[in-house]
Amino acid sequence: MINVQITIPEALKPFATVATEEEILIRNAMIIFPFIQNETISYGKAAEILNLRKLDLITLYGKMGLPYFNQTKEELEEDLRNIRSVLEK
């Protein structure tokens, strides 16, 4: 671990101070989440950076309301139809 100095709004200060291991993990996971979303890094790489198993990271994000799958139900159903079509051939 290294210390990094960042500039934040004064009003954010009470929320930026974390004390427990879990709070540190959540903060770091939230810092890295945008890079997962924009596909700069994978869930696997993020988990490696955070020293977690990929499934544990996915579970952590799920508990915070951040879904692993970002497809709509319709998109998922379409994917399933396509998979079934390919398997039938």
C-alpha atoms as a PDB file:
ATOM      1  CA  MET A   1       0.000   0.000   0.000  1.00  0.00           C
ATOM      2  CA  ILE A   2       1.025   3.594  -0.603  1.00  0.00           C
ATOM      3  CA  ASN A   3      -0.356   6.891   0.609  1.00  0.00           C
ATOM      4  CA  VAL A   4      -1.785   9.222  -2.029  1.00  0.00           C
ATOM      5  CA  GLN A   5      -2.795  12.808  -1.434  1.00  0.00           C
ATOM      6  CA  ILE A   6      -5.980  13.956  -3.202  1.00  0.00           C
ATOM      7  CA  THR A   7      -7.933  17.186  -3.202  1.00  0.00           C
ATOM      8  CA  ILE A   8     -11.601  16.848  -2.253  1.00  0.00           C
ATOM      9  CA  PRO A   9     -14.368  19.279  -1.347  1.00  0.00           C
ATOM     10  CA  GLU A  10     -14.321  20.247   2.349  1.00  0.00           C
ATOM     11  CA  ALA A  11     -17.825  18.813   2.823  1.00  0.00           C
ATOM     12  CA  LEU A  12     -16.561  15.396   1.722  1.00  0.00           C
ATOM     13  CA  LYS A  13     -13.896  15.199   4.428  1.00  0.00           C
ATOM     14  CA  PRO A  14     -16.032  13.372   7.048  1.00  0.00           C
ATOM     15  CA  PHE A  15     -16.810  10.676   4.502  1.00  0.00           C
ATOM     16  CA  ALA A  16     -13.245  10.327   3.207  1.00  0.00           C
ATOM     17  CA  THR A  17     -11.773   9.251   6.517  1.00  0.00           C
ATOM     18  CA  VAL A  18     -11.991   5.492   6.833  1.00  0.00           C
ATOM     19  CA  ALA A  19     -10.788   3.387   9.706  1.00  0.00           C
ATOM     20  CA  THR A  20     -11.692  -0.266   9.353  1.00  0.00           C
ATOM     21  CA  GLU A  21     -10.348  -2.806   6.882  1.00  0.00           C
ATOM     22  CA  GLU A  22     -13.836  -3.135   5.393  1.00  0.00           C
ATOM     23  CA  GLU A  23     -14.162   0.633   4.919  1.00  0.00           C
ATOM     24  CA  ILE A  24     -10.777   0.749   3.226  1.00  0.00           C
ATOM     25  CA  LEU A  25     -11.749  -2.133   0.926  1.00  0.00           C
ATOM     26  CA  ILE A  26     -15.057  -0.479  -0.006  1.00  0.00           C
ATOM     27  CA  ARG A  27     -13.352   2.860  -0.665  1.00  0.00           C
ATOM     28  CA  ASN A  28     -10.731   1.236  -2.879  1.00  0.00           C
ATOM     29  CA  ALA A  29     -13.349  -0.857  -4.682  1.00  0.00           C
ATOM     30  CA  MET A  30     -15.340   2.295  -5.411  1.00  0.00           C
ATOM     31  CA  ILE A  31     -12.243   4.069  -6.709  1.00  0.00           C
ATOM     32  CA  ILE A  32     -11.600   1.269  -9.180  1.00  0.00           C
ATOM     33  CA  PHE A  33     -15.226   0.627 -10.221  1.00  0.00           C
ATOM     34  CA  PRO A  34     -15.392   3.301 -12.975  1.00  0.00           C
ATOM     35  CA  PHE A  35     -12.406   1.659 -14.655  1.00  0.00           C
ATOM     36  CA  ILE A  36     -14.282  -1.650 -14.688  1.00  0.00           C
ATOM     37  CA  GLN A  37     -17.366   0.044 -16.112  1.00  0.00           C
ATOM     38  CA  ASN A  38     -15.480   1.702 -18.947  1.00  0.00           C
ATOM     39  CA  GLU A  39     -13.617  -1.573 -19.573  1.00  0.00           C
ATOM     40  CA  THR A  40     -10.166  -0.149 -18.830  1.00  0.00           C
ATOM     41  CA  ILE A  41      -9.639  -3.140 -16.541  1.00  0.00           C
ATOM     42  CA  SER A  42     -11.515  -6.370 -15.924  1.00  0.00           C
ATOM     43  CA  TYR A  43     -13.186  -7.577 -12.754  1.00  0.00           C
ATOM     44  CA  GLY A  44     -10.383 -10.115 -12.475  1.00  0.00           C
ATOM     45  CA  LYS A  45      -7.666  -7.456 -12.659  1.00  0.00           C
ATOM     46  CA  ALA A  46      -9.546  -5.250 -10.180  1.00  0.00           C
ATOM     47  CA  ALA A  47      -9.855  -8.188  -7.792  1.00  0.00           C
ATOM     48  CA  GLU A  48      -6.135  -8.849  -8.152  1.00  0.00           C
ATOM     49  CA  ILE A  49      -5.332  -5.197  -7.389  1.00  0.00           C
ATOM     50  CA  LEU A  50      -7.580  -5.336  -4.314  1.00  0.00           C
ATOM     51  CA  ASN A  51      -6.147  -8.697  -3.267  1.00  0.00           C
ATOM     52  CA  LEU A  52      -9.535 -10.421  -3.537  1.00  0.00           C
ATOM     53  CA  ARG A  53     -10.970 -13.332  -5.432  1.00  0.00           C
ATOM     54  CA  LYS A  54     -13.014 -12.201  -8.430  1.00  0.00           C
ATOM     55  CA  LEU A  55     -16.201 -13.728  -6.999  1.00  0.00           C
ATOM     56  CA  ASP A  56     -15.654 -11.885  -3.707  1.00  0.00           C
ATOM     57  CA  LEU A  57     -15.329  -8.582  -5.561  1.00  0.00           C
ATOM     58  CA  ILE A  58     -18.472  -9.267  -7.595  1.00  0.00           C
ATOM     59  CA  THR A  59     -20.285 -10.125  -4.352  1.00  0.00           C
ATOM     60  CA  LEU A  60     -19.045  -6.923  -2.691  1.00  0.00           C
ATOM     61  CA  TYR A  61     -20.304  -4.805  -5.580  1.00  0.00           C
ATOM     62  CA  GLY A  62     -23.608  -6.704  -5.525  1.00  0.00           C
ATOM     63  CA  LYS A  63     -24.082  -5.895  -1.847  1.00  0.00           C
ATOM     64  CA  MET A  64     -23.564  -2.240  -2.747  1.00  0.00           C
ATOM     65  CA  GLY A  65     -26.195  -2.456  -5.488  1.00  0.00           C
ATOM     66  CA  LEU A  66     -23.726  -2.497  -8.380  1.00  0.00           C
ATOM     67  CA  PRO A  67     -24.738  -5.383 -10.659  1.00  0.00           C
ATOM     68  CA  TYR A  68     -22.241  -7.636 -12.392  1.00  0.00           C
ATOM     69  CA  PHE A  69     -24.497  -7.942 -15.415  1.00  0.00           C
ATOM     70  CA  ASN A  70     -25.697  -4.681 -16.869  1.00  0.00           C
ATOM     71  CA  GLN A  71     -27.986  -6.178 -19.483  1.00  0.00           C
ATOM     72  CA  THR A  72     -31.696  -5.630 -19.524  1.00  0.00           C
ATOM     73  CA  LYS A  73     -33.949  -8.658 -19.282  1.00  0.00           C
ATOM     74  CA  GLU A  74     -34.732  -8.301 -22.999  1.00  0.00           C
ATOM     75  CA  GLU A  75     -31.025  -8.225 -23.938  1.00  0.00           C
ATOM     76  CA  LEU A  76     -30.386 -11.326 -21.847  1.00  0.00           C
ATOM     77  CA  GLU A  77     -33.316 -13.159 -23.453  1.00  0.00           C
ATOM     78  CA  GLU A  78     -32.009 -12.224 -26.907  1.00  0.00           C
ATOM     79  CA  ASP A  79     -28.566 -13.572 -26.014  1.00  0.00           C
ATOM     80  CA  LEU A  80     -30.146 -16.815 -24.803  1.00  0.00           C
ATOM     81  CA  ARG A  81     -32.118 -17.152 -28.074  1.00  0.00           C
ATOM     82  CA  ASN A  82     -28.899 -16.623 -30.038  1.00  0.00           C
ATOM     83  CA  ILE A  83     -27.038 -19.229 -27.994  1.00  0.00           C
ATOM     84  CA  ARG A  84     -29.857 -21.752 -28.443  1.00  0.00           C
ATOM     85  CA  SER A  85     -29.907 -21.055 -32.180  1.00  0.00           C
ATOM     86  CA  VAL A  86     -26.178 -21.715 -32.471  1.00  0.00           C
ATOM     87  CA  LEU A  87     -26.419 -24.905 -30.389  1.00  0.00           C
ATOM     88  CA  GLU A  88     -29.239 -26.239 -32.580  1.00  0.00           C
ATOM     89  CA  LYS A  89     -27.103 -26.020 -35.717  1.00  0.00           C
END
